[in-house]
Amino acid sequence: MREFLSLIMQFLEDSHLFCGKENRKFVSFNSTAVKEGDYKFAGTLIAMSMVHGGPSPQFLAPPMFEAIVSDNPMHVAVAIEDIPDWELQEAILRLSSCTDVKDAIPILQEGILTTLIDLSGTYIQVKTLESIQEIIRSVTQWYIIGRSVPAIENFKEGLSALGVLEAIRTHPAVFRTEFCPSLVEVKLTADTLDGLFSVTSSDVGSTRAVTESLVLSRWRDYLQDLEDKEDAVSRSDVLFFATGCHSLPPRKKTMNPTIEFLHLKGQWGFPRYPNANVCSSTSLASRTFILREF
């Protein structure tokens, strides 16, 4: 099931329901999706994944998480750099760099800003640089959060399934890193991936233990090869193969994969490749893992 839930999280991250930079996304606004309950459905899927041991949606921006836990998302501060529309972001950045009101007026009269200010109802009389900054804050907040409030509320309704939203709002510090990968650096290196697995070994000194030691050595060489050079297979692919998750959770203790060894010969001889049971996060390494042709 974890594989299925991982694929769902990836689908949601890439869907039209969210917008923004990688690992820093916001709930978008699509009126049709709101009417059809797509945001609620997305929230429900996320709640089900988290309750049933699947991955959390590690792709939201911190301000988006604050909007989810806040009683009034309109009070959540956002950054100009989070505006997904490049043309609008560029116009607001030019406006924010103005050092004189006379320089700001032509920018405010540009079509994209004039339209947006009218739609958001954020126009105020421009007399000082402070008033310009107030317009910038209001427009940016409305564009990123304000106009998406119906979608956010729809999304929160879905998250309330199985008591997940209540838990998030009760313990925001615990859940913040589960939703916002930019707040915690968990780099998937060869050493990190190797240290993630516990090994079920045979008795020390036995013939099997010697073979297992060779297999583990080959395994670590393989992980290092993936880190040192480009390959069709990535470290993320290895993690997904073993656990059903593409990335490490912020709290790695929640993931306890193990490596066991296949010593029994099957109908067609010893298995040539490793296999895995992602339900128990168990990887079964064949003794032939030490061979060069692997």
Protein backbone atom coordinates (compact mmCIF):
# COMPACT_ATOMS: atom_id res chain seq x y z
CA MET A 1 0.00 0.00 0.00
CA ARG A 2 2.87 2.37 0.75
CA GLU A 3 3.92 2.31 -2.91
CA PHE A 4 0.39 3.22 -3.96
CA LEU A 5 0.22 6.07 -1.44
CA SER A 6 3.62 7.37 -2.59
CA LEU A 7 2.36 7.50 -6.16
CA ILE A 8 -0.72 9.40 -4.98
CA MET A 9 1.44 12.00 -3.20
CA GLN A 10 3.54 12.43 -6.34
CA PHE A 11 0.41 12.81 -8.47
CA LEU A 12 -1.02 15.46 -6.14
CA GLU A 13 2.25 17.40 -6.06
CA ASP A 14 2.32 17.57 -9.85
CA SER A 15 -1.41 18.25 -10.25
CA HIS A 16 -3.16 21.55 -11.01
CA LEU A 17 -4.39 21.64 -7.40
CA PHE A 18 -1.01 22.97 -6.27
CA CYS A 19 1.29 25.59 -7.75
CA GLY A 20 4.70 27.05 -7.03
CA LYS A 21 8.28 25.90 -6.78
CA GLU A 22 9.40 22.36 -6.07
CA ASN A 23 9.12 21.55 -2.35
CA ARG A 24 7.47 24.95 -1.79
CA LYS A 25 3.98 24.71 -3.21
CA PHE A 26 0.70 26.44 -2.40
CA VAL A 27 -2.90 25.41 -2.88
CA SER A 28 -3.89 26.90 -6.24
CA PHE A 29 -7.33 28.25 -7.08
CA ASN A 30 -9.49 26.49 -9.63
CA SER A 31 -13.20 27.25 -9.31
CA THR A 32 -14.21 24.10 -11.17
CA ALA A 33 -12.07 21.96 -8.87
CA VAL A 34 -13.68 23.65 -5.84
CA LYS A 35 -17.19 22.96 -7.15
CA GLU A 36 -16.37 19.33 -7.89
CA GLY A 37 -14.72 18.81 -4.51
CA ASP A 38 -11.27 17.98 -5.90
CA TYR A 39 -9.45 19.82 -3.12
CA LYS A 40 -11.47 17.99 -0.49
CA PHE A 41 -10.67 14.69 -2.17
CA ALA A 42 -6.96 15.58 -2.21
CA GLY A 43 -7.06 16.42 1.50
CA THR A 44 -8.83 13.15 2.24
CA LEU A 45 -6.19 11.16 0.34
CA ILE A 46 -3.42 12.89 2.29
CA ALA A 47 -5.17 12.17 5.59
CA MET A 48 -5.59 8.51 4.67
CA SER A 49 -1.93 8.23 3.65
CA MET A 50 -0.68 9.69 6.92
CA VAL A 51 -2.97 7.53 9.06
CA HIS A 52 -2.11 4.31 7.24
CA GLY A 53 1.67 4.69 7.38
CA GLY A 54 2.15 6.24 3.96
CA PRO A 55 4.16 9.36 3.12
CA SER A 56 3.08 12.84 4.10
CA PRO A 57 2.76 15.61 1.46
CA GLN A 58 6.32 16.87 1.73
CA PHE A 59 5.98 19.61 -0.84
CA LEU A 60 4.14 22.52 0.81
CA ALA A 61 5.59 25.96 1.52
CA PRO A 62 5.71 26.96 5.22
CA PRO A 63 3.20 29.84 4.69
CA MET A 64 0.78 27.34 3.16
CA PHE A 65 1.04 25.15 6.24
CA GLU A 66 0.39 28.20 8.43
CA ALA A 67 -2.70 28.97 6.35
CA ILE A 68 -3.96 25.44 7.02
CA VAL A 69 -3.57 25.66 10.79
CA SER A 70 -4.63 29.32 11.06
CA ASP A 71 -8.16 30.44 11.84
CA ASN A 72 -7.63 33.35 9.45
CA PRO A 73 -5.30 32.51 6.53
CA MET A 74 -5.50 36.13 5.36
CA HIS A 75 -3.10 37.03 8.18
CA VAL A 76 -0.38 34.67 6.94
CA ALA A 77 2.71 36.49 5.64
CA VAL A 78 4.03 35.48 2.21
CA ALA A 79 7.00 36.44 0.03
CA ILE A 80 7.04 38.00 -3.42
CA GLU A 81 9.28 35.14 -4.56
CA ASP A 82 6.41 32.71 -3.92
CA ILE A 83 4.20 34.27 -6.61
CA PRO A 84 3.86 31.50 -9.23
CA ASP A 85 3.18 33.89 -12.12
CA TRP A 86 6.61 34.99 -13.33
CA GLU A 87 5.38 38.13 -15.13
CA LEU A 88 3.50 39.34 -12.06
CA GLN A 89 6.39 38.50 -9.76
CA GLU A 90 8.78 40.49 -11.96
CA ALA A 91 6.45 43.51 -11.98
CA ILE A 92 6.07 43.51 -8.19
CA LEU A 93 9.83 43.12 -7.70
CA ARG A 94 10.39 46.18 -9.89
CA LEU A 95 7.78 48.04 -7.87
CA SER A 96 9.42 47.06 -4.59
CA SER A 97 12.79 48.37 -5.78
CA CYS A 98 11.45 51.88 -6.46
CA THR A 99 13.05 54.59 -4.36
CA ASP A 100 10.70 57.35 -5.50
CA VAL A 101 6.92 57.53 -5.84
CA LYS A 102 7.30 59.01 -9.34
CA ASP A 103 9.12 55.87 -10.48
CA ALA A 104 6.41 53.62 -9.03
CA ILE A 105 3.41 55.25 -10.75
CA PRO A 106 4.17 53.94 -14.29
CA ILE A 107 4.64 50.42 -12.93
CA LEU A 108 1.34 50.58 -11.05
CA GLN A 109 -0.37 51.60 -14.27
CA GLU A 110 0.83 48.53 -16.14
CA GLY A 111 -2.01 46.27 -17.23
CA ILE A 112 -1.19 43.24 -15.11
CA LEU A 113 -0.85 45.23 -11.86
CA THR A 114 -3.84 47.49 -12.54
CA THR A 115 -6.07 44.48 -13.16
CA LEU A 116 -4.81 42.62 -10.11
CA ILE A 117 -5.20 45.62 -7.80
CA ASP A 118 -8.78 46.07 -9.02
CA LEU A 119 -9.60 42.37 -8.54
CA SER A 120 -8.10 42.23 -5.07
CA GLY A 121 -9.56 45.54 -3.93
CA THR A 122 -6.20 46.56 -2.50
CA TYR A 123 -5.84 50.01 -4.08
CA ILE A 124 -4.91 52.89 -1.80
CA GLN A 125 -3.84 56.39 -2.73
CA VAL A 126 -0.13 56.42 -3.46
CA LYS A 127 1.57 59.29 -1.66
CA THR A 128 4.59 57.72 0.03
CA LEU A 129 6.93 54.77 -0.36
CA GLU A 130 5.19 53.20 2.65
CA SER A 131 1.88 53.18 0.77
CA ILE A 132 3.59 51.42 -2.13
CA GLN A 133 4.92 48.75 0.22
CA GLU A 134 1.42 48.32 1.65
CA ILE A 135 0.04 47.73 -1.85
CA ILE A 136 2.80 45.19 -2.50
CA ARG A 137 2.03 43.29 0.72
CA SER A 138 -1.72 43.31 0.08
CA VAL A 139 -1.51 42.25 -3.57
CA THR A 140 1.04 39.51 -2.87
CA GLN A 141 -0.97 38.13 0.04
CA TRP A 142 -4.21 38.17 -1.93
CA TYR A 143 -2.71 36.53 -5.00
CA ILE A 144 -1.00 33.69 -3.10
CA ILE A 145 -3.46 33.07 -0.25
CA GLY A 146 -6.53 35.32 -0.41
CA ARG A 147 -7.98 34.27 -3.74
CA SER A 148 -7.40 30.61 -2.84
CA VAL A 149 -9.29 30.68 0.48
CA PRO A 150 -12.28 28.69 -0.91
CA ALA A 151 -9.87 26.04 -2.19
CA ILE A 152 -7.94 26.02 1.09
CA GLU A 153 -11.13 25.55 3.11
CA ASN A 154 -12.16 22.74 0.75
CA PHE A 155 -8.74 21.16 1.22
CA LYS A 156 -8.95 21.48 5.02
CA GLU A 157 -12.35 19.79 4.96
CA GLY A 158 -10.70 16.79 3.35
CA LEU A 159 -7.81 16.83 5.83
CA SER A 160 -10.31 16.63 8.68
CA ALA A 161 -10.96 13.00 7.71
CA LEU A 162 -9.86 10.55 10.40
CA GLY A 163 -9.07 13.44 12.75
CA VAL A 164 -5.90 14.46 10.91
CA LEU A 165 -6.64 18.20 10.69
CA GLU A 166 -7.46 18.32 14.39
CA ALA A 167 -4.15 16.62 15.17
CA ILE A 168 -2.27 19.04 12.89
CA ARG A 169 -3.83 22.09 14.52
CA THR A 170 -3.25 20.69 18.01
CA HIS A 171 0.40 19.81 17.36
CA PRO A 172 1.59 22.10 14.52
CA ALA A 173 5.26 21.87 15.52
CA VAL A 174 5.17 18.09 15.08
CA PHE A 175 3.52 18.18 11.67
CA ARG A 176 5.22 21.24 10.19
CA THR A 177 8.25 19.33 8.91
CA GLU A 178 5.99 16.56 7.58
CA PHE A 179 4.45 19.07 5.19
CA CYS A 180 7.33 21.49 4.58
CA PRO A 181 10.60 19.88 3.42
CA SER A 182 12.29 23.28 3.13
CA LEU A 183 12.33 23.51 6.94
CA VAL A 184 14.50 20.44 7.44
CA GLU A 185 17.46 19.15 5.46
CA VAL A 186 17.39 15.38 5.11
CA LYS A 187 19.89 14.62 2.36
CA LEU A 188 19.77 11.14 0.90
CA THR A 189 23.47 10.26 0.66
CA ALA A 190 25.04 6.83 0.30
CA ASP A 191 26.00 6.85 4.00
CA THR A 192 22.52 7.98 5.06
CA LEU A 193 20.87 5.28 2.98
CA ASP A 194 23.26 2.59 4.23
CA GLY A 195 22.76 3.62 7.86
CA LEU A 196 18.99 3.54 7.44
CA PHE A 197 18.92 -0.25 7.10
CA SER A 198 19.39 -2.71 9.93
CA VAL A 199 20.91 -6.04 8.90
CA THR A 200 19.72 -9.49 9.93
CA SER A 201 22.94 -11.52 9.85
CA SER A 202 23.83 -15.15 10.42
CA ASP A 203 26.02 -16.31 13.31
CA VAL A 204 29.50 -14.80 13.29
CA GLY A 205 32.07 -17.19 11.84
CA SER A 206 29.59 -19.23 9.84
CA THR A 207 29.90 -19.75 6.09
CA ARG A 208 26.71 -17.80 5.57
CA ALA A 209 28.05 -14.86 7.58
CA VAL A 210 31.12 -14.69 5.31
CA THR A 211 28.91 -14.61 2.21
CA GLU A 212 26.66 -11.98 3.79
CA SER A 213 29.70 -9.81 4.55
CA LEU A 214 30.64 -9.89 0.86
CA VAL A 215 27.07 -9.03 -0.15
CA LEU A 216 27.02 -6.05 2.22
CA SER A 217 30.34 -4.85 0.86
CA ARG A 218 28.96 -5.00 -2.68
CA TRP A 219 25.79 -3.22 -1.52
CA ARG A 220 27.78 -0.32 -0.07
CA ASP A 221 29.93 -0.07 -3.19
CA TYR A 222 26.76 0.08 -5.25
CA LEU A 223 25.31 2.91 -3.15
CA GLN A 224 28.56 4.83 -3.44
CA ASP A 225 28.56 4.35 -7.21
CA LEU A 226 25.09 5.90 -7.36
CA GLU A 227 26.36 8.93 -5.47
CA ASP A 228 29.56 9.36 -7.50
CA LYS A 229 28.08 9.22 -10.99
CA GLU A 230 24.91 9.63 -12.98
CA ASP A 231 22.97 6.42 -13.38
CA ALA A 232 19.62 5.26 -14.66
CA VAL A 233 18.90 4.31 -11.05
CA SER A 234 19.01 6.94 -8.29
CA ARG A 235 19.30 6.64 -4.51
CA SER A 236 15.68 7.73 -4.36
CA ASP A 237 14.79 4.76 -6.59
CA VAL A 238 16.59 2.40 -4.21
CA LEU A 239 14.69 3.85 -1.25
CA PHE A 240 11.40 3.50 -3.11
CA PHE A 241 12.23 -0.11 -4.03
CA ALA A 242 12.90 -1.00 -0.40
CA THR A 243 10.29 1.06 1.43
CA GLY A 244 7.75 2.42 -1.06
CA CYS A 245 8.81 6.01 -0.26
CA HIS A 246 10.76 8.29 -2.61
CA SER A 247 12.27 10.41 0.17
CA LEU A 248 13.23 10.16 3.80
CA PRO A 249 10.67 11.41 6.32
CA PRO A 250 11.89 14.25 8.58
CA ARG A 251 11.83 11.82 11.49
CA LYS A 252 13.81 8.89 10.12
CA LYS A 253 12.99 6.79 13.17
CA THR A 254 9.54 6.23 11.67
CA MET A 255 11.19 4.22 8.90
CA ASN A 256 13.01 1.03 9.93
CA PRO A 257 13.91 -0.98 6.82
CA THR A 258 15.89 -4.19 7.20
CA ILE A 259 18.12 -6.30 4.99
CA GLU A 260 17.79 -10.07 5.11
CA PHE A 261 19.63 -12.64 3.03
CA LEU A 262 18.42 -15.31 0.63
CA HIS A 263 20.46 -18.48 1.06
CA LEU A 264 18.02 -21.10 -0.18
CA LYS A 265 18.20 -22.13 -3.81
CA GLY A 266 14.90 -21.94 -5.65
CA GLN A 267 13.64 -23.91 -8.63
CA TRP A 268 15.79 -21.83 -10.97
CA GLY A 269 18.79 -21.57 -8.70
CA PHE A 270 19.76 -18.66 -6.48
CA PRO A 271 17.83 -15.42 -7.22
CA ARG A 272 19.98 -13.12 -9.31
CA TYR A 273 18.51 -9.84 -8.07
CA PRO A 274 17.36 -8.57 -4.68
CA ASN A 275 13.66 -8.22 -3.96
CA ALA A 276 11.67 -6.37 -1.34
CA ASN A 277 8.52 -6.44 0.75
CA VAL A 278 7.62 -2.77 1.18
CA CYS A 279 4.81 -3.57 3.62
CA SER A 280 7.42 -4.61 6.18
CA SER A 281 10.24 -2.56 4.59
CA THR A 282 12.29 -5.73 4.22
CA SER A 283 14.84 -6.10 1.43
CA LEU A 284 15.96 -9.62 0.56
CA ALA A 285 19.51 -9.65 -0.81
CA SER A 286 20.58 -12.61 -2.92
CA ARG A 287 24.02 -14.12 -2.43
CA THR A 288 24.62 -13.44 -6.15
CA PHE A 289 24.61 -9.71 -5.32
CA ILE A 290 28.41 -10.03 -5.07
CA LEU A 291 28.76 -11.04 -8.71
CA ARG A 292 30.05 -8.51 -11.25
CA GLU A 293 27.21 -9.03 -13.72
CA PHE A 294 24.76 -7.51 -11.26
